[in-house]
N, C-alpha and C. Protein backbone atom coordinates (compact mmCIF):
# COMPACT_ATOMS: atom_id res chain seq x y z
N ALA A 1 168.70 -1.26 -62.73
CA ALA A 1 169.41 -0.30 -62.47
C ALA A 1 169.45 0.32 -60.98
N LEU A 2 170.63 0.77 -60.29
CA LEU A 2 170.51 1.47 -59.22
C LEU A 2 170.19 2.75 -59.15
N GLU A 3 169.51 3.65 -58.32
CA GLU A 3 169.08 4.83 -58.29
C GLU A 3 169.37 5.48 -57.21
N LEU A 4 170.19 6.85 -57.25
CA LEU A 4 170.69 7.47 -56.06
C LEU A 4 169.31 8.13 -55.46
N CYS A 5 169.08 7.90 -54.10
CA CYS A 5 167.77 8.36 -53.49
C CYS A 5 168.24 9.52 -52.41
N GLY A 6 169.35 9.57 -52.07
CA GLY A 6 169.60 10.82 -51.39
C GLY A 6 171.24 10.79 -50.96
N TYR A 7 171.47 11.85 -50.55
CA TYR A 7 173.22 12.25 -50.33
C TYR A 7 173.50 12.74 -48.92
N GLU A 8 174.52 12.37 -48.58
CA GLU A 8 175.10 13.07 -47.29
C GLU A 8 175.28 14.57 -47.32
N ILE A 9 174.82 15.25 -46.21
CA ILE A 9 175.18 16.65 -46.21
C ILE A 9 175.75 17.11 -44.82
N GLY A 10 176.33 18.09 -44.64
CA GLY A 10 176.79 18.48 -43.29
C GLY A 10 175.81 19.48 -42.76
N VAL A 11 175.96 20.12 -41.49
CA VAL A 11 175.26 20.90 -40.95
C VAL A 11 175.28 22.31 -41.44
N GLU A 12 176.59 22.89 -41.98
CA GLU A 12 176.95 23.98 -42.46
C GLU A 12 176.20 24.14 -43.79
N GLU A 13 176.26 23.28 -44.60
CA GLU A 13 175.44 23.24 -45.95
C GLU A 13 174.21 23.15 -45.89
N ALA A 14 173.56 22.37 -44.91
CA ALA A 14 172.00 22.15 -44.75
C ALA A 14 171.84 23.69 -44.15
N LEU A 15 172.34 24.29 -43.39
CA LEU A 15 171.91 25.52 -42.85
C LEU A 15 172.00 26.74 -43.97
N SER A 16 173.01 26.58 -44.72
CA SER A 16 173.09 27.46 -45.72
C SER A 16 171.89 27.42 -46.68
N GLN A 17 171.55 26.31 -47.02
CA GLN A 17 170.40 26.05 -47.88
C GLN A 17 169.09 26.61 -47.30
N ALA A 18 169.14 26.28 -46.03
CA ALA A 18 167.97 26.80 -45.35
C ALA A 18 167.79 28.28 -45.16
N LEU A 19 168.88 28.94 -45.11
CA LEU A 19 168.88 30.52 -44.83
C LEU A 19 169.10 31.07 -46.05
N ARG A 20 168.87 30.35 -47.25
CA ARG A 20 168.73 31.29 -48.54
C ARG A 20 167.38 32.10 -48.77
N ASP A 21 166.61 31.51 -48.17
CA ASP A 21 165.11 32.14 -48.19
C ASP A 21 164.79 32.64 -46.81
N VAL A 22 165.54 33.40 -46.21
CA VAL A 22 165.54 33.54 -44.81
C VAL A 22 164.77 34.80 -44.69
N GLU A 23 164.72 35.92 -45.67
CA GLU A 23 163.82 37.04 -45.68
C GLU A 23 162.36 36.55 -45.97
N PHE A 24 162.26 35.62 -46.82
CA PHE A 24 160.82 35.09 -47.22
C PHE A 24 160.30 34.53 -46.04
N TYR A 25 160.93 33.63 -45.24
CA TYR A 25 160.32 32.88 -43.81
C TYR A 25 159.96 34.19 -43.13
N ARG A 26 160.84 35.03 -42.91
CA ARG A 26 160.48 36.12 -41.64
C ARG A 26 159.24 36.92 -42.16
N ALA A 27 159.12 37.01 -43.49
CA ALA A 27 157.97 38.00 -43.99
C ALA A 27 156.69 37.15 -44.01
N SER A 28 156.66 35.97 -44.27
CA SER A 28 155.68 34.99 -44.38
C SER A 28 155.11 34.28 -42.94
N GLY A 29 156.03 34.43 -42.08
CA GLY A 29 155.80 33.60 -40.70
C GLY A 29 156.20 32.10 -40.74
N GLY A 30 156.94 31.94 -41.82
CA GLY A 30 157.51 30.45 -42.25
C GLY A 30 158.63 30.30 -41.24
N GLY A 31 159.19 29.07 -41.52
CA GLY A 31 160.49 28.89 -40.67
C GLY A 31 161.15 27.32 -41.46
N LEU A 32 161.59 26.68 -40.53
CA LEU A 32 162.48 25.20 -40.78
C LEU A 32 161.69 24.25 -39.95
N THR A 33 161.53 23.15 -40.66
CA THR A 33 160.95 21.92 -40.28
C THR A 33 161.85 20.85 -40.43
N LEU A 34 162.52 20.17 -39.13
CA LEU A 34 163.24 19.00 -39.19
C LEU A 34 162.33 17.93 -39.36
N SER A 35 162.67 17.19 -40.26
CA SER A 35 161.58 16.22 -40.63
C SER A 35 162.44 14.64 -41.11
N GLY A 36 161.91 13.86 -41.75
CA GLY A 36 162.50 12.66 -42.18
C GLY A 36 161.94 11.51 -42.95
N GLY A 37 161.94 10.46 -42.53
CA GLY A 37 162.80 9.88 -41.49
C GLY A 37 162.41 10.51 -40.15
N GLU A 38 163.44 10.23 -39.43
CA GLU A 38 163.39 10.54 -37.82
C GLU A 38 164.59 11.41 -37.53
N PRO A 39 164.58 12.95 -37.48
CA PRO A 39 165.50 13.63 -36.90
C PRO A 39 166.14 13.24 -35.80
N MET A 40 165.45 12.69 -34.78
CA MET A 40 166.08 12.19 -33.60
C MET A 40 166.81 11.23 -33.57
N ALA A 41 167.05 10.41 -34.76
CA ALA A 41 167.96 9.37 -35.13
C ALA A 41 169.46 9.86 -35.31
N GLN A 42 169.69 11.42 -35.50
CA GLN A 42 170.88 11.96 -35.44
C GLN A 42 170.80 13.37 -34.73
N PRO A 43 170.63 13.07 -33.34
CA PRO A 43 170.43 14.15 -32.54
C PRO A 43 171.29 15.23 -32.49
N ALA A 44 172.64 14.88 -32.77
CA ALA A 44 173.74 16.22 -32.82
C ALA A 44 173.48 16.98 -33.94
N PHE A 45 173.30 16.25 -35.12
CA PHE A 45 173.09 16.95 -36.34
C PHE A 45 171.52 17.71 -36.21
N ALA A 46 170.48 17.34 -35.67
CA ALA A 46 169.26 18.00 -35.29
C ALA A 46 169.36 19.26 -34.59
N LEU A 47 170.19 19.07 -33.40
CA LEU A 47 170.39 20.12 -32.53
C LEU A 47 171.31 21.05 -33.32
N ALA A 48 172.23 20.81 -33.74
CA ALA A 48 173.10 22.03 -34.45
C ALA A 48 172.29 22.73 -35.39
N LEU A 49 171.21 22.20 -36.32
CA LEU A 49 170.62 22.80 -37.11
C LEU A 49 169.57 23.46 -36.57
N ALA A 50 169.00 23.23 -35.50
CA ALA A 50 167.86 23.79 -34.86
C ALA A 50 168.36 25.07 -34.17
N ARG A 51 169.42 24.74 -33.50
CA ARG A 51 170.10 25.98 -32.83
C ARG A 51 170.64 27.11 -33.76
N GLY A 52 171.28 26.61 -34.89
CA GLY A 52 171.67 27.37 -36.23
C GLY A 52 170.48 28.34 -36.62
N ALA A 53 169.43 27.73 -37.01
CA ALA A 53 168.21 28.43 -37.38
C ALA A 53 167.44 29.26 -36.35
N ARG A 54 167.28 28.87 -35.13
CA ARG A 54 167.14 29.98 -34.08
C ARG A 54 167.94 31.10 -34.07
N GLU A 55 169.39 30.84 -33.91
CA GLU A 55 170.09 32.07 -33.82
C GLU A 55 169.76 33.05 -35.16
N ALA A 56 169.60 32.41 -36.16
CA ALA A 56 169.11 33.32 -37.40
C ALA A 56 167.93 34.02 -37.54
N GLY A 57 167.11 33.60 -36.46
CA GLY A 57 165.59 34.23 -36.25
C GLY A 57 164.67 33.54 -36.80
N LEU A 58 164.63 32.15 -37.10
CA LEU A 58 163.78 31.30 -37.76
C LEU A 58 162.89 30.40 -36.92
N HIS A 59 161.59 30.23 -37.03
CA HIS A 59 160.79 29.50 -36.27
C HIS A 59 161.24 28.03 -36.76
N VAL A 60 161.28 27.18 -35.49
CA VAL A 60 161.73 25.82 -35.72
C VAL A 60 160.56 24.72 -35.32
N CYS A 61 160.55 23.80 -36.19
CA CYS A 61 159.61 22.95 -35.79
C CYS A 61 160.47 21.43 -35.79
N LEU A 62 160.10 20.57 -34.96
CA LEU A 62 160.59 19.36 -35.11
C LEU A 62 159.75 18.31 -34.97
N GLU A 63 159.62 17.52 -36.31
CA GLU A 63 158.71 16.39 -36.34
C GLU A 63 159.48 15.04 -35.92
N THR A 64 158.67 14.47 -35.02
CA THR A 64 159.24 13.22 -34.24
C THR A 64 158.34 12.22 -34.03
N CYS A 65 158.57 10.65 -33.99
CA CYS A 65 157.92 9.96 -33.49
C CYS A 65 157.99 9.57 -32.07
N GLY A 66 158.96 10.39 -31.54
CA GLY A 66 158.96 10.27 -29.76
C GLY A 66 159.86 9.26 -29.26
N CYS A 67 160.49 8.29 -30.22
CA CYS A 67 161.06 6.94 -29.84
C CYS A 67 162.48 7.37 -29.77
N CYS A 68 162.97 8.36 -28.87
CA CYS A 68 164.27 8.64 -28.64
C CYS A 68 164.48 8.79 -27.22
N ALA A 69 165.86 9.14 -27.03
CA ALA A 69 166.37 9.45 -25.66
C ALA A 69 165.88 10.64 -25.01
N ARG A 70 165.48 10.55 -23.82
CA ARG A 70 164.99 11.78 -23.21
C ARG A 70 165.80 12.91 -23.16
N ASP A 71 167.18 12.61 -22.83
CA ASP A 71 168.15 13.67 -22.71
C ASP A 71 168.19 14.45 -24.15
N ALA A 72 168.01 13.73 -25.14
CA ALA A 72 168.35 14.30 -26.58
C ALA A 72 167.15 15.25 -26.76
N LEU A 73 165.80 14.88 -26.33
CA LEU A 73 164.76 15.62 -26.31
C LEU A 73 164.91 17.12 -25.41
N GLU A 74 165.31 16.81 -24.25
CA GLU A 74 165.39 17.95 -23.42
C GLU A 74 166.49 18.94 -23.88
N VAL A 75 167.70 18.65 -24.31
CA VAL A 75 168.48 19.53 -24.98
C VAL A 75 167.83 20.44 -26.16
N MET A 76 167.05 19.75 -26.99
CA MET A 76 166.42 20.47 -28.01
C MET A 76 165.28 21.55 -27.74
N LEU A 77 164.90 21.42 -26.42
CA LEU A 77 163.82 22.26 -25.97
C LEU A 77 163.89 23.53 -26.27
N PRO A 78 165.14 24.58 -25.91
CA PRO A 78 165.26 25.60 -25.97
C PRO A 78 165.36 26.19 -27.67
N HIS A 79 165.43 25.06 -28.38
CA HIS A 79 165.63 25.52 -29.94
C HIS A 79 164.50 25.08 -30.68
N VAL A 80 163.46 24.79 -30.05
CA VAL A 80 162.45 24.34 -31.02
C VAL A 80 161.03 25.08 -30.57
N ASN A 81 160.47 25.55 -31.38
CA ASN A 81 159.07 26.37 -31.28
C ASN A 81 158.15 25.42 -31.12
N LEU A 82 158.04 24.38 -31.87
CA LEU A 82 157.00 23.50 -32.11
C LEU A 82 157.18 22.24 -32.17
N PHE A 83 156.59 21.20 -31.43
CA PHE A 83 157.01 19.70 -31.75
C PHE A 83 155.83 19.27 -32.39
N LEU A 84 156.22 18.60 -33.62
CA LEU A 84 155.11 17.83 -34.19
C LEU A 84 155.16 16.32 -33.82
N PHE A 85 154.31 16.10 -32.99
CA PHE A 85 154.71 14.51 -32.38
C PHE A 85 153.77 13.49 -32.97
N ASP A 86 154.25 12.40 -33.40
CA ASP A 86 153.53 11.11 -33.79
C ASP A 86 152.63 10.63 -32.98
N PHE A 87 151.19 10.34 -32.93
CA PHE A 87 150.57 9.33 -32.24
C PHE A 87 149.71 8.43 -33.16
N LYS A 88 150.47 7.17 -33.13
CA LYS A 88 149.97 6.33 -34.22
C LYS A 88 149.03 5.39 -33.36
N LEU A 89 149.34 4.83 -32.18
CA LEU A 89 148.41 3.86 -31.44
C LEU A 89 148.53 4.09 -30.09
N ALA A 90 147.55 4.01 -29.15
CA ALA A 90 147.56 4.23 -27.88
C ALA A 90 148.06 2.69 -27.14
N ASP A 91 147.49 1.62 -27.86
CA ASP A 91 147.79 0.26 -27.17
C ASP A 91 149.35 -0.27 -27.55
N GLY A 92 149.75 -0.55 -26.63
CA GLY A 92 151.18 -0.86 -26.56
C GLY A 92 151.49 -2.12 -27.47
N GLU A 93 150.63 -3.16 -27.24
CA GLU A 93 150.96 -4.53 -28.04
C GLU A 93 150.57 -4.04 -29.48
N ALA A 94 149.36 -3.26 -29.87
CA ALA A 94 149.19 -3.03 -31.10
C ALA A 94 150.21 -2.31 -32.16
N HIS A 95 150.82 -1.20 -31.32
CA HIS A 95 151.84 -0.34 -31.64
C HIS A 95 153.24 -1.12 -31.88
N ARG A 96 153.58 -2.05 -31.13
CA ARG A 96 154.61 -2.97 -31.21
C ARG A 96 154.28 -3.79 -32.51
N ARG A 97 153.23 -4.36 -32.58
CA ARG A 97 152.74 -5.11 -33.83
C ARG A 97 152.93 -4.45 -35.27
N TYR A 98 152.40 -3.16 -35.18
CA TYR A 98 152.53 -2.42 -36.56
C TYR A 98 153.71 -1.55 -36.70
N THR A 99 154.23 -1.14 -35.77
CA THR A 99 155.84 -0.30 -36.06
C THR A 99 157.04 -1.05 -35.48
N GLY A 100 156.84 -2.17 -34.62
CA GLY A 100 158.06 -2.74 -34.43
C GLY A 100 158.61 -2.18 -33.09
N ALA A 101 158.00 -1.37 -32.30
CA ALA A 101 158.43 -0.67 -31.16
C ALA A 101 157.16 -0.71 -30.25
N ASP A 102 157.60 -0.66 -28.86
CA ASP A 102 156.80 -0.42 -27.78
C ASP A 102 156.40 1.14 -27.84
N ASN A 103 155.54 1.57 -27.22
CA ASN A 103 155.00 3.10 -27.14
C ASN A 103 155.21 3.51 -25.78
N ALA A 104 155.62 2.79 -24.59
CA ALA A 104 155.95 3.40 -23.61
C ALA A 104 156.86 4.78 -23.37
N LEU A 105 158.00 4.42 -24.04
CA LEU A 105 158.85 5.44 -24.11
C LEU A 105 158.40 6.73 -24.75
N ILE A 106 157.63 6.60 -26.07
CA ILE A 106 156.91 7.47 -26.80
C ILE A 106 155.91 8.28 -25.89
N LEU A 107 155.02 7.70 -25.26
CA LEU A 107 154.07 8.23 -24.20
C LEU A 107 154.72 9.25 -22.99
N ASP A 108 155.85 8.41 -22.49
CA ASP A 108 156.73 9.10 -21.63
C ASP A 108 157.22 10.36 -22.10
N ASN A 109 157.87 10.36 -23.21
CA ASN A 109 158.44 11.63 -23.93
C ASN A 109 157.42 12.59 -24.14
N LEU A 110 156.23 12.17 -24.59
CA LEU A 110 155.07 13.07 -24.98
C LEU A 110 154.77 13.98 -23.55
N ALA A 111 154.56 13.18 -22.50
CA ALA A 111 154.66 13.78 -21.20
C ALA A 111 155.43 14.66 -20.73
N PHE A 112 156.80 14.24 -20.98
CA PHE A 112 157.86 15.11 -20.65
C PHE A 112 157.97 16.52 -21.41
N LEU A 113 157.50 16.43 -22.76
CA LEU A 113 157.53 17.72 -23.26
C LEU A 113 156.34 18.62 -22.76
N SER A 114 155.22 18.11 -22.57
CA SER A 114 154.21 18.62 -22.15
C SER A 114 154.44 19.65 -20.91
N ARG A 115 154.89 18.71 -19.74
CA ARG A 115 155.41 19.16 -18.61
C ARG A 115 156.29 20.22 -18.70
N ALA A 116 157.15 20.02 -19.62
CA ALA A 116 158.28 21.19 -19.87
C ALA A 116 157.76 22.58 -20.59
N GLY A 117 156.63 22.55 -20.73
CA GLY A 117 156.08 23.69 -21.37
C GLY A 117 156.03 23.70 -22.79
N ALA A 118 156.53 22.63 -23.72
CA ALA A 118 156.66 22.75 -25.12
C ALA A 118 155.22 22.81 -25.98
N ALA A 119 155.23 23.49 -27.03
CA ALA A 119 154.08 23.33 -27.63
C ALA A 119 154.10 22.15 -28.57
N ILE A 120 152.89 21.78 -28.71
CA ILE A 120 153.07 20.39 -29.32
C ILE A 120 151.86 20.19 -30.25
N ALA A 121 151.90 19.95 -31.49
CA ALA A 121 150.77 19.34 -32.43
C ALA A 121 150.80 17.95 -32.54
N LEU A 122 149.81 17.29 -32.06
CA LEU A 122 149.49 15.83 -32.14
C LEU A 122 149.34 15.24 -33.45
N ARG A 123 150.18 14.58 -34.03
CA ARG A 123 149.92 14.28 -35.47
C ARG A 123 149.58 12.66 -35.67
N CYS A 124 148.32 12.41 -36.13
CA CYS A 124 147.71 11.14 -36.20
C CYS A 124 147.47 10.59 -37.37
N PRO A 125 148.24 9.84 -37.82
CA PRO A 125 148.08 9.00 -39.33
C PRO A 125 147.01 8.15 -39.04
N ILE A 126 145.99 8.21 -40.02
CA ILE A 126 144.62 7.26 -39.61
C ILE A 126 144.64 6.23 -40.83
N ILE A 127 144.77 4.97 -40.44
CA ILE A 127 144.72 3.97 -41.57
C ILE A 127 143.57 2.85 -41.22
N PRO A 128 143.14 2.73 -42.29
CA PRO A 128 142.10 1.95 -42.54
C PRO A 128 142.33 0.33 -41.79
N ASP A 129 141.68 -0.34 -41.13
CA ASP A 129 142.13 -1.81 -40.66
C ASP A 129 143.19 -1.65 -39.58
N VAL A 130 143.76 -0.48 -39.24
CA VAL A 130 144.75 -0.36 -38.26
C VAL A 130 144.12 0.42 -37.03
N ASN A 131 143.88 1.58 -37.24
CA ASN A 131 143.53 2.48 -36.23
C ASN A 131 142.08 3.51 -36.50
N LEU A 132 141.54 3.08 -37.55
CA LEU A 132 140.25 3.78 -37.95
C LEU A 132 138.97 3.34 -37.08
N THR A 133 139.09 3.43 -35.73
CA THR A 133 138.05 2.98 -34.80
C THR A 133 137.63 3.99 -33.88
N ASP A 134 136.73 3.83 -33.30
CA ASP A 134 136.03 4.65 -32.14
C ASP A 134 137.13 4.62 -31.01
N GLY A 135 137.51 3.34 -30.62
CA GLY A 135 138.62 3.16 -29.58
C GLY A 135 139.77 4.17 -29.87
N HIS A 136 140.11 4.14 -30.91
CA HIS A 136 141.63 4.91 -31.15
C HIS A 136 141.11 6.40 -31.23
N PHE A 137 140.21 6.97 -31.47
CA PHE A 137 139.71 8.29 -31.41
C PHE A 137 139.55 8.82 -30.07
N GLU A 138 138.95 7.93 -29.38
CA GLU A 138 138.83 8.24 -28.00
C GLU A 138 140.11 8.22 -27.10
N ALA A 139 141.11 7.29 -27.63
CA ALA A 139 142.45 7.68 -27.10
C ALA A 139 143.15 8.79 -27.37
N ILE A 140 142.93 9.32 -28.67
CA ILE A 140 143.46 10.68 -29.16
C ILE A 140 143.11 11.66 -28.29
N ALA A 141 141.51 11.64 -28.00
CA ALA A 141 141.11 12.83 -27.46
C ALA A 141 141.50 12.82 -25.95
N ARG A 142 141.66 11.57 -25.22
CA ARG A 142 142.08 11.58 -23.68
C ARG A 142 143.55 11.79 -23.77
N THR A 143 144.52 11.72 -24.75
CA THR A 143 145.80 11.82 -24.82
C THR A 143 146.07 13.75 -25.10
N ALA A 144 145.19 14.12 -25.81
CA ALA A 144 145.31 15.59 -26.08
C ALA A 144 144.75 16.25 -24.76
N ALA A 145 143.73 15.81 -24.17
CA ALA A 145 143.00 16.53 -22.89
C ALA A 145 144.02 16.22 -21.63
N ALA A 146 144.94 15.27 -21.69
CA ALA A 146 145.73 14.98 -20.52
C ALA A 146 146.87 15.85 -20.60
N HIS A 147 147.40 16.28 -21.94
CA HIS A 147 148.63 17.03 -21.92
C HIS A 147 148.34 18.24 -22.60
N GLY A 148 148.78 19.34 -21.60
CA GLY A 148 148.32 20.70 -21.76
C GLY A 148 149.07 21.27 -22.87
N GLY A 149 150.18 20.51 -23.25
CA GLY A 149 151.11 21.24 -24.32
C GLY A 149 150.47 20.87 -25.78
N VAL A 150 149.59 20.10 -25.91
CA VAL A 150 149.07 19.86 -27.08
C VAL A 150 148.09 21.15 -27.52
N ARG A 151 148.59 21.76 -28.70
CA ARG A 151 147.79 23.08 -29.08
C ARG A 151 146.89 22.68 -29.94
N TRP A 152 146.82 21.79 -30.83
CA TRP A 152 145.98 21.06 -31.99
C TRP A 152 146.38 19.78 -32.18
N ILE A 153 145.50 18.98 -33.02
CA ILE A 153 145.38 17.76 -33.56
C ILE A 153 145.41 17.74 -35.05
N ASP A 154 146.49 17.03 -35.68
CA ASP A 154 146.40 16.82 -37.27
C ASP A 154 146.10 15.52 -37.43
N LEU A 155 144.88 15.14 -38.17
CA LEU A 155 144.61 13.97 -38.66
C LEU A 155 145.08 13.98 -40.12
N GLU A 156 145.74 12.70 -40.28
CA GLU A 156 146.68 12.46 -41.48
C GLU A 156 145.97 11.16 -42.28
N PRO A 157 145.01 11.40 -43.28
CA PRO A 157 144.34 10.18 -43.90
C PRO A 157 145.58 9.52 -44.61
N TYR A 158 145.11 8.09 -44.54
CA TYR A 158 146.08 7.31 -45.11
C TYR A 158 146.22 7.60 -46.71
N HIS A 159 147.28 7.47 -47.14
CA HIS A 159 147.63 7.46 -48.66
C HIS A 159 148.61 6.37 -49.02
N PRO A 160 148.58 5.68 -50.48
CA PRO A 160 149.36 4.82 -50.67
C PRO A 160 150.83 5.21 -51.41
N LEU A 161 151.02 6.57 -51.36
CA LEU A 161 152.10 6.97 -52.22
C LEU A 161 153.38 6.35 -51.63
N GLY A 162 153.72 5.74 -50.27
CA GLY A 162 154.82 5.31 -49.99
C GLY A 162 154.84 3.97 -50.43
N LEU A 163 153.97 3.18 -51.19
CA LEU A 163 154.06 1.78 -51.68
C LEU A 163 155.08 1.88 -52.72
N GLU A 164 155.06 2.80 -53.59
CA GLU A 164 156.02 2.87 -54.86
C GLU A 164 157.30 3.10 -54.24
N LYS A 165 157.71 3.95 -53.20
CA LYS A 165 158.95 4.04 -52.72
C LYS A 165 159.41 2.56 -52.07
N ALA A 166 158.62 2.07 -51.27
CA ALA A 166 159.19 0.67 -50.86
C ALA A 166 159.40 -0.39 -52.05
N ARG A 167 158.82 -0.29 -53.05
CA ARG A 167 159.04 -1.05 -54.10
C ARG A 167 160.45 -0.82 -54.87
N ARG A 168 160.82 0.57 -54.83
CA ARG A 168 161.91 1.10 -55.48
C ARG A 168 162.96 0.67 -54.58
N LEU A 169 162.81 0.58 -53.33
CA LEU A 169 164.05 0.19 -52.48
C LEU A 169 163.94 -1.22 -52.04
N GLY A 170 163.37 -2.05 -52.88
CA GLY A 170 163.33 -3.48 -52.68
C GLY A 170 162.98 -4.05 -51.60
N ARG A 171 161.83 -3.31 -50.82
CA ARG A 171 161.56 -3.53 -49.59
C ARG A 171 159.82 -3.97 -49.80
N ALA A 172 159.60 -4.86 -48.66
CA ALA A 172 158.09 -5.36 -48.66
C ALA A 172 157.35 -4.51 -47.98
N ALA A 173 156.20 -3.94 -48.34
CA ALA A 173 155.40 -2.88 -47.79
C ALA A 173 154.56 -3.56 -46.50
N GLY A 174 154.61 -3.09 -45.32
CA GLY A 174 153.99 -3.57 -44.25
C GLY A 174 152.43 -3.64 -44.23
N TYR A 175 152.19 -2.68 -45.19
CA TYR A 175 150.45 -2.59 -45.45
C TYR A 175 150.49 -2.14 -46.84
N ASP A 176 149.51 -2.87 -47.51
CA ASP A 176 149.46 -2.48 -49.15
C ASP A 176 148.12 -2.05 -49.66
N ASN A 177 147.42 -1.36 -48.79
CA ASN A 177 146.28 -0.90 -49.34
C ASN A 177 146.26 0.32 -50.40
N GLU A 178 145.66 0.05 -51.70
CA GLU A 178 145.91 1.06 -52.81
C GLU A 178 145.15 2.17 -52.57
N SER A 179 144.39 2.20 -51.84
CA SER A 179 143.20 3.29 -51.95
C SER A 179 143.54 4.39 -50.87
N PHE A 180 143.27 5.71 -51.30
CA PHE A 180 143.21 6.55 -50.56
C PHE A 180 142.02 6.63 -49.46
N LEU A 181 142.32 7.22 -48.35
CA LEU A 181 141.29 7.54 -47.34
C LEU A 181 141.01 9.21 -47.56
N SER A 182 139.57 9.36 -47.77
CA SER A 182 139.31 10.59 -48.18
C SER A 182 139.04 11.40 -47.03
N ARG A 183 139.09 12.76 -47.02
CA ARG A 183 138.90 13.74 -45.92
C ARG A 183 137.54 13.54 -45.58
N GLU A 184 136.74 13.47 -46.42
CA GLU A 184 135.13 13.32 -46.06
C GLU A 184 134.91 12.27 -45.32
N ALA A 185 135.76 11.18 -45.24
CA ALA A 185 135.49 10.08 -44.47
C ALA A 185 135.93 10.11 -42.99
N LEU A 186 136.57 11.43 -42.78
CA LEU A 186 136.95 11.70 -41.29
C LEU A 186 136.35 12.99 -40.83
N GLU A 187 135.53 13.47 -41.56
CA GLU A 187 134.98 14.85 -41.03
C GLU A 187 134.10 14.83 -39.90
N ALA A 188 133.29 13.67 -39.84
CA ALA A 188 132.51 13.63 -38.55
C ALA A 188 133.33 13.29 -37.49
N ARG A 189 134.23 12.48 -37.64
CA ARG A 189 135.10 11.87 -36.46
C ARG A 189 136.04 13.21 -36.01
N ALA A 190 136.36 14.02 -37.09
CA ALA A 190 136.95 15.35 -36.72
C ALA A 190 136.32 16.13 -35.81
N GLN A 191 135.00 16.35 -36.32
CA GLN A 191 134.32 17.28 -35.49
C GLN A 191 133.90 16.63 -33.93
N TRP A 192 133.65 15.41 -33.93
CA TRP A 192 133.70 14.75 -32.60
C TRP A 192 135.00 14.93 -31.80
N LEU A 193 136.01 14.83 -32.46
CA LEU A 193 137.38 15.01 -31.72
C LEU A 193 137.44 16.41 -31.20
N ARG A 194 137.07 17.47 -32.09
CA ARG A 194 137.16 18.79 -31.30
C ARG A 194 136.43 18.81 -30.17
N GLU A 195 135.35 18.37 -30.15
CA GLU A 195 134.55 18.47 -28.94
C GLU A 195 135.04 17.84 -27.68
N ALA A 196 135.43 16.53 -28.03
CA ALA A 196 135.84 15.79 -26.82
C ALA A 196 137.19 16.15 -26.26
N ALA A 197 138.18 16.64 -27.33
CA ALA A 197 139.60 16.75 -27.01
C ALA A 197 139.81 18.31 -26.46
N GLY A 198 138.70 19.20 -26.93
CA GLY A 198 138.77 20.65 -26.52
C GLY A 198 140.02 21.35 -27.39
N VAL A 199 140.33 20.79 -28.34
CA VAL A 199 141.40 21.73 -28.90
C VAL A 199 141.16 21.60 -30.64
N PRO A 200 141.61 22.58 -31.32
CA PRO A 200 141.26 22.48 -32.75
C PRO A 200 141.82 21.33 -33.47
N VAL A 201 141.41 20.65 -34.36
CA VAL A 201 141.42 19.52 -35.20
C VAL A 201 141.63 19.74 -36.49
N ASN A 202 142.49 19.53 -37.28
CA ASN A 202 142.74 19.69 -38.74
C ASN A 202 142.79 18.35 -39.48
N ILE A 203 142.40 18.11 -40.76
CA ILE A 203 142.55 17.04 -41.36
C ILE A 203 143.64 17.59 -42.49
N VAL A 204 144.68 16.92 -42.44
CA VAL A 204 145.68 17.56 -43.47
C VAL A 204 146.31 16.54 -44.63
């Protein structure tokens, strides 16, 4: 049987839902995070929502893989307090093999945001047999150190929770490891990264 996994919503309704708890957000220091999917796949919607949230006095985060038009990011800048920017792989060929897209535009957009003075958290999914390597952690450190906008790094240990979603959608998972990667497995690497990159590192 088919199962409804989502529904369409307009900017006004989405903003209305987000603002229901606005006083709680203000008191707690919380705010609105645009996530997905990829928010920049719908740039006009993302811009309208971010602008409305900022006008209401909310802190706004934008989570993005960075594979989007430069001008779309540029118009978001005044309305976003923090960019949660994915950094999956530094090597272009490996990035293309595992994600289906080259990372040249992504790295260019990261550099653009940093030059523009944006606050950035580098979000790094860590996946066994893909990027759980010394070379990748060295690339994370180089990237963070080279971009002054990077305020901290979040390491995101692999989990298999998305596998069931892929099955329910009738899609083949590109990676089918059923095991969780533990926080403990990353502690030593996180400590090395703190020293090498010179910014805080969290395991989330």
